[in-house]
Amino acid sequence: MPSGESTFTMELLYRRSLGPVVGAFLTALREQRLLGSRTAEGRVICPPLEYDPDSGDAVDDLVEVGSAGVVTGWSWVAEPRAKHPLPHPFAWALVQLDGADTSMVHALDAGSLDAVRTGMRVQVRWAPERTGHITDIACFEPEAS
């Protein structure tokens, strides 16, 4: 750095209000439950949204969905970085939970690249201590048979 110049860090601190839908979803995670929002047409969106993405109508009907589901897409991470949820190779997976019509993205700890496939059944591995955050789902793992 040239003489006379200095560096600084600029931070923008803020708080976000969760609202009744996202707040209920995170509270349910703490209790090892998963919620989705049911639209007027009957579709279940998980994680829940406050508004129907198709119509823009408000959605406030929350329903419980399963803690297991199907992988609808995935991408392998061979070399995890420090901020990744798992310290060893894993997949980012789109998981459509039982009872939901949409998929959510989360880490999948399948053990190896060869063990991952679209259509495989997976289940939630809950974090030992839950705080009402998305990381209350430690990851997904292959469903026990």
N, C-alpha and C. Protein backbone atom coordinates (compact mmCIF):
# COMPACT_ATOMS: atom_id res chain seq x y z
N MET A 1 0.85 -1.16 0.00
CA MET A 1 0.00 0.00 0.00
C MET A 1 0.90 1.23 0.00
N PRO A 2 0.60 2.20 -0.86
CA PRO A 2 1.43 3.42 -0.91
C PRO A 2 1.42 4.16 0.42
N SER A 3 2.51 4.84 0.70
CA SER A 3 2.65 5.59 1.94
C SER A 3 1.55 6.64 2.05
N GLY A 4 1.02 6.82 3.25
CA GLY A 4 0.01 7.82 3.50
C GLY A 4 -1.42 7.32 3.30
N GLU A 5 -1.59 6.14 2.73
CA GLU A 5 -2.94 5.59 2.54
C GLU A 5 -3.27 4.65 3.69
N SER A 6 -4.53 4.57 4.02
CA SER A 6 -4.95 3.65 5.08
C SER A 6 -6.17 2.87 4.59
N THR A 7 -6.45 1.82 5.28
CA THR A 7 -7.62 1.02 4.94
C THR A 7 -8.63 1.14 6.07
N PHE A 8 -9.85 0.83 5.75
CA PHE A 8 -10.89 0.81 6.76
C PHE A 8 -11.93 -0.24 6.36
N THR A 9 -12.66 -0.67 7.33
CA THR A 9 -13.74 -1.62 7.10
C THR A 9 -15.05 -0.90 7.30
N MET A 10 -15.92 -1.00 6.31
CA MET A 10 -17.23 -0.39 6.43
C MET A 10 -18.24 -1.50 6.69
N GLU A 11 -19.03 -1.35 7.74
CA GLU A 11 -20.05 -2.33 8.07
C GLU A 11 -21.42 -1.67 8.05
N LEU A 12 -22.39 -2.41 7.59
CA LEU A 12 -23.77 -1.95 7.60
C LEU A 12 -24.54 -2.90 8.51
N LEU A 13 -24.69 -2.50 9.74
CA LEU A 13 -25.38 -3.35 10.70
C LEU A 13 -26.88 -3.11 10.60
N TYR A 14 -27.65 -4.19 10.65
CA TYR A 14 -29.09 -4.06 10.58
C TYR A 14 -29.73 -5.23 11.30
N ARG A 15 -30.98 -5.08 11.63
CA ARG A 15 -31.79 -6.16 12.20
C ARG A 15 -32.96 -6.38 11.26
N ARG A 16 -33.33 -7.62 11.12
CA ARG A 16 -34.46 -7.96 10.26
C ARG A 16 -35.57 -8.54 11.11
N SER A 17 -36.75 -8.04 10.93
CA SER A 17 -37.92 -8.59 11.59
C SER A 17 -38.34 -9.83 10.82
N LEU A 18 -38.58 -10.93 11.50
CA LEU A 18 -38.89 -12.18 10.81
C LEU A 18 -40.33 -12.27 10.34
N GLY A 19 -41.24 -11.69 11.04
CA GLY A 19 -42.64 -11.78 10.67
C GLY A 19 -43.24 -13.11 11.09
N PRO A 20 -44.55 -13.27 10.88
CA PRO A 20 -45.25 -14.44 11.40
C PRO A 20 -44.93 -15.74 10.66
N VAL A 21 -44.57 -15.68 9.38
CA VAL A 21 -44.34 -16.91 8.62
C VAL A 21 -42.92 -17.43 8.84
N VAL A 22 -41.92 -16.61 8.58
CA VAL A 22 -40.53 -17.04 8.77
C VAL A 22 -40.26 -17.28 10.26
N GLY A 23 -40.82 -16.45 11.13
CA GLY A 23 -40.66 -16.65 12.57
C GLY A 23 -41.22 -18.00 13.02
N ALA A 24 -42.39 -18.36 12.51
CA ALA A 24 -42.99 -19.66 12.85
C ALA A 24 -42.14 -20.81 12.31
N PHE A 25 -41.60 -20.65 11.10
CA PHE A 25 -40.74 -21.69 10.51
C PHE A 25 -39.51 -21.93 11.39
N LEU A 26 -38.85 -20.85 11.80
CA LEU A 26 -37.64 -21.00 12.61
C LEU A 26 -37.95 -21.53 14.01
N THR A 27 -39.06 -21.11 14.59
CA THR A 27 -39.47 -21.65 15.89
C THR A 27 -39.73 -23.14 15.78
N ALA A 28 -40.37 -23.57 14.70
CA ALA A 28 -40.64 -24.99 14.50
C ALA A 28 -39.35 -25.78 14.34
N LEU A 29 -38.35 -25.21 13.67
CA LEU A 29 -37.06 -25.90 13.54
C LEU A 29 -36.48 -26.21 14.91
N ARG A 30 -36.58 -25.26 15.80
CA ARG A 30 -36.06 -25.45 17.16
C ARG A 30 -36.73 -26.65 17.83
N GLU A 31 -37.98 -26.89 17.44
CA GLU A 31 -38.77 -28.00 18.00
C GLU A 31 -38.69 -29.27 17.15
N GLN A 32 -37.77 -29.30 16.19
CA GLN A 32 -37.57 -30.42 15.26
C GLN A 32 -38.82 -30.69 14.41
N ARG A 33 -39.44 -29.61 13.95
CA ARG A 33 -40.59 -29.70 13.04
C ARG A 33 -40.32 -28.81 11.84
N LEU A 34 -40.89 -29.18 10.71
CA LEU A 34 -40.74 -28.40 9.49
C LEU A 34 -42.10 -27.93 9.02
N LEU A 35 -42.18 -26.64 8.68
CA LEU A 35 -43.43 -26.05 8.22
C LEU A 35 -43.31 -25.58 6.78
N GLY A 36 -44.43 -25.63 6.09
CA GLY A 36 -44.56 -25.05 4.76
C GLY A 36 -45.78 -24.15 4.74
N SER A 37 -45.89 -23.32 3.72
CA SER A 37 -47.07 -22.47 3.59
C SER A 37 -47.94 -23.02 2.46
N ARG A 38 -49.25 -23.13 2.72
CA ARG A 38 -50.20 -23.65 1.72
C ARG A 38 -50.85 -22.48 1.00
N THR A 39 -50.74 -22.48 -0.33
CA THR A 39 -51.34 -21.43 -1.13
C THR A 39 -52.83 -21.68 -1.30
N ALA A 40 -53.54 -20.70 -1.84
CA ALA A 40 -54.98 -20.84 -2.07
C ALA A 40 -55.27 -21.99 -3.03
N GLU A 41 -54.31 -22.30 -3.93
CA GLU A 41 -54.49 -23.40 -4.87
C GLU A 41 -54.12 -24.75 -4.26
N GLY A 42 -53.61 -24.74 -3.01
CA GLY A 42 -53.28 -25.99 -2.32
C GLY A 42 -51.83 -26.41 -2.42
N ARG A 43 -50.99 -25.65 -3.12
CA ARG A 43 -49.56 -25.98 -3.18
C ARG A 43 -48.93 -25.70 -1.83
N VAL A 44 -47.97 -26.54 -1.43
CA VAL A 44 -47.25 -26.33 -0.17
C VAL A 44 -45.81 -25.94 -0.51
N ILE A 45 -45.42 -24.77 -0.03
CA ILE A 45 -44.10 -24.20 -0.30
C ILE A 45 -43.26 -24.34 0.96
N CYS A 46 -42.10 -24.98 0.84
CA CYS A 46 -41.20 -25.14 1.99
C CYS A 46 -39.78 -24.89 1.52
N PRO A 47 -39.07 -23.97 2.21
CA PRO A 47 -39.47 -23.17 3.34
C PRO A 47 -40.63 -22.25 2.97
N PRO A 48 -41.44 -21.91 3.97
CA PRO A 48 -42.65 -21.13 3.69
C PRO A 48 -42.34 -19.71 3.23
N LEU A 49 -43.22 -19.20 2.40
CA LEU A 49 -43.16 -17.81 1.95
C LEU A 49 -44.40 -17.09 2.44
N GLU A 50 -44.29 -15.79 2.58
CA GLU A 50 -45.44 -14.99 3.01
C GLU A 50 -46.38 -14.70 1.87
N TYR A 51 -45.89 -14.84 0.63
CA TYR A 51 -46.70 -14.55 -0.54
C TYR A 51 -46.58 -15.68 -1.55
N ASP A 52 -47.67 -16.00 -2.22
CA ASP A 52 -47.68 -17.01 -3.26
C ASP A 52 -46.86 -16.47 -4.44
N PRO A 53 -45.80 -17.20 -4.85
CA PRO A 53 -44.96 -16.68 -5.93
C PRO A 53 -45.69 -16.63 -7.28
N ASP A 54 -46.76 -17.38 -7.42
CA ASP A 54 -47.51 -17.36 -8.69
C ASP A 54 -48.52 -16.23 -8.76
N SER A 55 -49.25 -16.00 -7.67
CA SER A 55 -50.33 -15.01 -7.69
C SER A 55 -50.00 -13.71 -6.96
N GLY A 56 -49.03 -13.75 -6.06
CA GLY A 56 -48.71 -12.59 -5.23
C GLY A 56 -49.63 -12.46 -4.03
N ASP A 57 -50.59 -13.36 -3.88
CA ASP A 57 -51.52 -13.31 -2.75
C ASP A 57 -50.80 -13.66 -1.45
N ALA A 58 -51.23 -13.04 -0.36
CA ALA A 58 -50.68 -13.36 0.95
C ALA A 58 -50.98 -14.81 1.30
N VAL A 59 -50.02 -15.46 1.96
CA VAL A 59 -50.17 -16.85 2.40
C VAL A 59 -49.92 -16.89 3.89
N ASP A 60 -50.92 -17.37 4.65
CA ASP A 60 -50.71 -17.46 6.10
C ASP A 60 -51.14 -18.82 6.66
N ASP A 61 -51.45 -19.77 5.77
CA ASP A 61 -51.83 -21.11 6.19
C ASP A 61 -50.57 -21.96 6.28
N LEU A 62 -50.09 -22.19 7.51
CA LEU A 62 -48.88 -22.98 7.72
C LEU A 62 -49.25 -24.42 8.03
N VAL A 63 -48.54 -25.35 7.39
CA VAL A 63 -48.80 -26.77 7.59
C VAL A 63 -47.48 -27.49 7.84
N GLU A 64 -47.53 -28.55 8.61
CA GLU A 64 -46.33 -29.33 8.88
C GLU A 64 -46.05 -30.24 7.69
N VAL A 65 -44.77 -30.35 7.33
CA VAL A 65 -44.33 -31.27 6.28
C VAL A 65 -43.38 -32.28 6.91
N GLY A 66 -43.05 -33.31 6.16
CA GLY A 66 -42.19 -34.37 6.69
C GLY A 66 -40.74 -33.95 6.85
N SER A 67 -40.00 -34.72 7.63
CA SER A 67 -38.57 -34.45 7.82
C SER A 67 -37.72 -35.33 6.91
N ALA A 68 -38.37 -35.97 5.95
CA ALA A 68 -37.67 -36.76 4.94
C ALA A 68 -38.24 -36.38 3.58
N GLY A 69 -37.49 -36.67 2.54
CA GLY A 69 -37.96 -36.33 1.21
C GLY A 69 -37.04 -36.87 0.14
N VAL A 70 -37.12 -36.26 -1.05
CA VAL A 70 -36.41 -36.73 -2.23
C VAL A 70 -35.49 -35.65 -2.76
N VAL A 71 -34.29 -36.03 -3.18
CA VAL A 71 -33.35 -35.10 -3.81
C VAL A 71 -33.81 -34.85 -5.24
N THR A 72 -34.04 -33.58 -5.57
CA THR A 72 -34.48 -33.22 -6.92
C THR A 72 -33.35 -32.64 -7.76
N GLY A 73 -32.24 -32.32 -7.14
CA GLY A 73 -31.05 -31.80 -7.83
C GLY A 73 -29.93 -31.65 -6.83
N TRP A 74 -28.70 -31.62 -7.31
CA TRP A 74 -27.58 -31.53 -6.37
C TRP A 74 -26.30 -31.10 -7.08
N SER A 75 -25.33 -30.65 -6.28
CA SER A 75 -24.01 -30.27 -6.77
C SER A 75 -22.98 -30.67 -5.72
N TRP A 76 -21.93 -31.34 -6.13
CA TRP A 76 -20.93 -31.88 -5.21
C TRP A 76 -19.90 -30.81 -4.85
N VAL A 77 -19.52 -30.77 -3.57
CA VAL A 77 -18.47 -29.88 -3.08
C VAL A 77 -17.33 -30.76 -2.62
N ALA A 78 -16.29 -30.87 -3.44
CA ALA A 78 -15.16 -31.76 -3.15
C ALA A 78 -14.22 -31.18 -2.10
N GLU A 79 -14.11 -29.85 -2.08
CA GLU A 79 -13.20 -29.20 -1.15
C GLU A 79 -13.95 -28.11 -0.39
N PRO A 80 -14.59 -28.49 0.73
CA PRO A 80 -15.35 -27.49 1.51
C PRO A 80 -14.45 -26.36 2.01
N ARG A 81 -15.05 -25.20 2.12
CA ARG A 81 -14.35 -24.04 2.67
C ARG A 81 -14.71 -23.89 4.14
N ALA A 82 -14.03 -23.02 4.82
CA ALA A 82 -14.20 -22.86 6.27
C ALA A 82 -15.65 -22.54 6.66
N LYS A 83 -16.37 -21.79 5.85
CA LYS A 83 -17.72 -21.39 6.22
C LYS A 83 -18.79 -22.37 5.74
N HIS A 84 -18.40 -23.45 5.09
CA HIS A 84 -19.38 -24.45 4.68
C HIS A 84 -19.90 -25.20 5.90
N PRO A 85 -21.08 -25.79 5.79
CA PRO A 85 -21.69 -26.44 6.96
C PRO A 85 -21.03 -27.75 7.38
N LEU A 86 -20.28 -28.38 6.49
CA LEU A 86 -19.61 -29.63 6.83
C LEU A 86 -18.12 -29.51 6.50
N PRO A 87 -17.25 -30.12 7.32
CA PRO A 87 -15.81 -29.99 7.09
C PRO A 87 -15.25 -30.99 6.08
N HIS A 88 -16.09 -31.87 5.56
CA HIS A 88 -15.65 -32.89 4.60
C HIS A 88 -16.52 -32.78 3.34
N PRO A 89 -16.13 -33.43 2.24
CA PRO A 89 -16.90 -33.32 1.00
C PRO A 89 -18.39 -33.64 1.23
N PHE A 90 -19.25 -32.87 0.55
CA PHE A 90 -20.70 -33.02 0.70
C PHE A 90 -21.37 -32.48 -0.55
N ALA A 91 -22.67 -32.59 -0.62
CA ALA A 91 -23.43 -32.04 -1.74
C ALA A 91 -24.34 -30.93 -1.24
N TRP A 92 -24.50 -29.90 -2.06
CA TRP A 92 -25.62 -28.98 -1.89
C TRP A 92 -26.76 -29.66 -2.62
N ALA A 93 -27.87 -29.88 -1.95
CA ALA A 93 -28.96 -30.61 -2.57
C ALA A 93 -30.26 -29.83 -2.50
N LEU A 94 -31.08 -30.00 -3.51
CA LEU A 94 -32.46 -29.53 -3.48
C LEU A 94 -33.28 -30.72 -2.99
N VAL A 95 -33.97 -30.53 -1.86
CA VAL A 95 -34.73 -31.61 -1.25
C VAL A 95 -36.21 -31.22 -1.21
N GLN A 96 -37.05 -32.06 -1.83
CA GLN A 96 -38.49 -31.87 -1.75
C GLN A 96 -38.99 -32.75 -0.62
N LEU A 97 -39.34 -32.09 0.48
CA LEU A 97 -39.80 -32.82 1.66
C LEU A 97 -41.17 -33.43 1.43
N ASP A 98 -41.44 -34.53 2.09
CA ASP A 98 -42.74 -35.19 1.99
C ASP A 98 -43.83 -34.20 2.39
N GLY A 99 -44.81 -34.03 1.53
CA GLY A 99 -45.90 -33.10 1.79
C GLY A 99 -45.69 -31.73 1.19
N ALA A 100 -44.50 -31.46 0.65
CA ALA A 100 -44.21 -30.17 0.02
C ALA A 100 -44.24 -30.31 -1.49
N ASP A 101 -44.52 -29.19 -2.17
CA ASP A 101 -44.52 -29.17 -3.64
C ASP A 101 -43.29 -28.46 -4.20
N THR A 102 -42.45 -27.92 -3.33
CA THR A 102 -41.23 -27.24 -3.76
C THR A 102 -40.05 -27.87 -3.04
N SER A 103 -38.86 -27.52 -3.49
CA SER A 103 -37.64 -28.05 -2.87
C SER A 103 -36.92 -26.95 -2.11
N MET A 104 -36.19 -27.37 -1.07
CA MET A 104 -35.34 -26.44 -0.34
C MET A 104 -33.89 -26.87 -0.52
N VAL A 105 -32.98 -25.92 -0.48
CA VAL A 105 -31.56 -26.24 -0.63
C VAL A 105 -30.93 -26.36 0.75
N HIS A 106 -30.11 -27.39 0.90
CA HIS A 106 -29.38 -27.58 2.15
C HIS A 106 -28.24 -28.57 1.88
N ALA A 107 -27.36 -28.71 2.84
CA ALA A 107 -26.24 -29.64 2.72
C ALA A 107 -26.73 -31.08 2.84
N LEU A 108 -26.10 -31.97 2.07
CA LEU A 108 -26.39 -33.40 2.11
C LEU A 108 -25.09 -34.13 2.40
N ASP A 109 -25.05 -34.84 3.52
CA ASP A 109 -23.88 -35.62 3.91
C ASP A 109 -24.13 -37.07 3.50
N ALA A 110 -23.71 -37.39 2.27
CA ALA A 110 -23.96 -38.72 1.72
C ALA A 110 -22.76 -39.64 1.83
N GLY A 111 -21.62 -39.12 2.27
CA GLY A 111 -20.43 -39.95 2.41
C GLY A 111 -19.50 -39.89 1.22
N SER A 112 -20.04 -39.94 0.02
CA SER A 112 -19.20 -39.89 -1.17
C SER A 112 -20.01 -39.41 -2.36
N LEU A 113 -19.31 -38.96 -3.37
CA LEU A 113 -19.95 -38.52 -4.61
C LEU A 113 -20.78 -39.64 -5.22
N ASP A 114 -20.27 -40.85 -5.18
CA ASP A 114 -20.96 -42.00 -5.77
C ASP A 114 -22.27 -42.33 -5.06
N ALA A 115 -22.43 -41.88 -3.83
CA ALA A 115 -23.64 -42.19 -3.06
C ALA A 115 -24.79 -41.23 -3.36
N VAL A 116 -24.52 -40.13 -4.06
CA VAL A 116 -25.54 -39.11 -4.32
C VAL A 116 -26.20 -39.36 -5.67
N ARG A 117 -27.51 -39.25 -5.71
CA ARG A 117 -28.23 -39.34 -6.98
C ARG A 117 -29.56 -38.61 -6.87
N THR A 118 -29.99 -38.06 -7.96
CA THR A 118 -31.31 -37.46 -8.01
C THR A 118 -32.34 -38.56 -7.77
N GLY A 119 -33.32 -38.29 -6.95
CA GLY A 119 -34.36 -39.28 -6.63
C GLY A 119 -34.11 -40.05 -5.35
N MET A 120 -32.92 -39.90 -4.78
CA MET A 120 -32.64 -40.64 -3.54
C MET A 120 -33.45 -40.08 -2.38
N ARG A 121 -33.80 -40.94 -1.45
CA ARG A 121 -34.53 -40.53 -0.25
C ARG A 121 -33.52 -40.07 0.80
N VAL A 122 -33.84 -38.94 1.44
CA VAL A 122 -32.99 -38.39 2.49
C VAL A 122 -33.85 -37.98 3.68
N GLN A 123 -33.19 -37.77 4.81
CA GLN A 123 -33.88 -37.32 6.02
C GLN A 123 -33.03 -36.25 6.70
N VAL A 124 -33.69 -35.47 7.53
CA VAL A 124 -33.00 -34.42 8.28
C VAL A 124 -32.10 -35.05 9.34
N ARG A 125 -30.91 -34.50 9.48
CA ARG A 125 -30.07 -34.75 10.65
C ARG A 125 -30.13 -33.45 11.46
N TRP A 126 -30.78 -33.50 12.59
CA TRP A 126 -30.96 -32.31 13.42
C TRP A 126 -29.67 -31.98 14.17
N ALA A 127 -29.41 -30.70 14.34
CA ALA A 127 -28.28 -30.25 15.16
C ALA A 127 -28.56 -30.65 16.61
N PRO A 128 -27.52 -31.03 17.37
CA PRO A 128 -27.74 -31.43 18.76
C PRO A 128 -28.37 -30.32 19.60
N GLU A 129 -27.97 -29.09 19.36
CA GLU A 129 -28.56 -27.94 20.05
C GLU A 129 -29.19 -27.05 19.00
N ARG A 130 -30.45 -26.72 19.20
CA ARG A 130 -31.18 -25.93 18.22
C ARG A 130 -31.53 -24.56 18.80
N THR A 131 -31.46 -23.55 17.92
CA THR A 131 -31.63 -22.17 18.37
C THR A 131 -32.68 -21.39 17.58
N GLY A 132 -33.39 -22.07 16.67
CA GLY A 132 -34.35 -21.34 15.84
C GLY A 132 -33.67 -20.70 14.65
N HIS A 133 -32.76 -21.41 14.00
CA HIS A 133 -32.01 -20.93 12.85
C HIS A 133 -31.98 -22.07 11.83
N ILE A 134 -31.76 -21.76 10.56
CA ILE A 134 -31.74 -22.79 9.53
C ILE A 134 -30.68 -23.85 9.83
N THR A 135 -29.65 -23.51 10.57
CA THR A 135 -28.61 -24.48 10.94
C THR A 135 -29.10 -25.47 11.99
N ASP A 136 -30.35 -25.33 12.45
CA ASP A 136 -30.94 -26.38 13.30
C ASP A 136 -31.05 -27.67 12.50
N ILE A 137 -31.15 -27.55 11.18
CA ILE A 137 -30.97 -28.71 10.29
C ILE A 137 -29.47 -28.78 10.05
N ALA A 138 -28.79 -29.71 10.72
CA ALA A 138 -27.33 -29.82 10.54
C ALA A 138 -27.04 -30.13 9.08
N CYS A 139 -27.83 -31.03 8.50
CA CYS A 139 -27.73 -31.41 7.11
C CYS A 139 -28.80 -32.45 6.82
N PHE A 140 -28.85 -32.90 5.59
CA PHE A 140 -29.65 -34.07 5.25
C PHE A 140 -28.69 -35.24 5.13
N GLU A 141 -29.20 -36.44 5.27
CA GLU A 141 -28.41 -37.66 5.12
C GLU A 141 -29.29 -38.72 4.47
N PRO A 142 -28.67 -39.75 3.85
CA PRO A 142 -29.51 -40.81 3.25
C PRO A 142 -30.47 -41.38 4.27
N GLU A 143 -31.70 -41.62 3.83
CA GLU A 143 -32.73 -42.14 4.72
C GLU A 143 -32.35 -43.55 5.19
N ALA A 144 -32.54 -43.80 6.48
CA ALA A 144 -32.27 -45.13 7.03
C ALA A 144 -33.30 -46.10 6.46
N SER A 145 -32.81 -47.30 6.08
CA SER A 145 -33.76 -48.26 5.51
C SER A 145 -34.23 -49.27 6.52
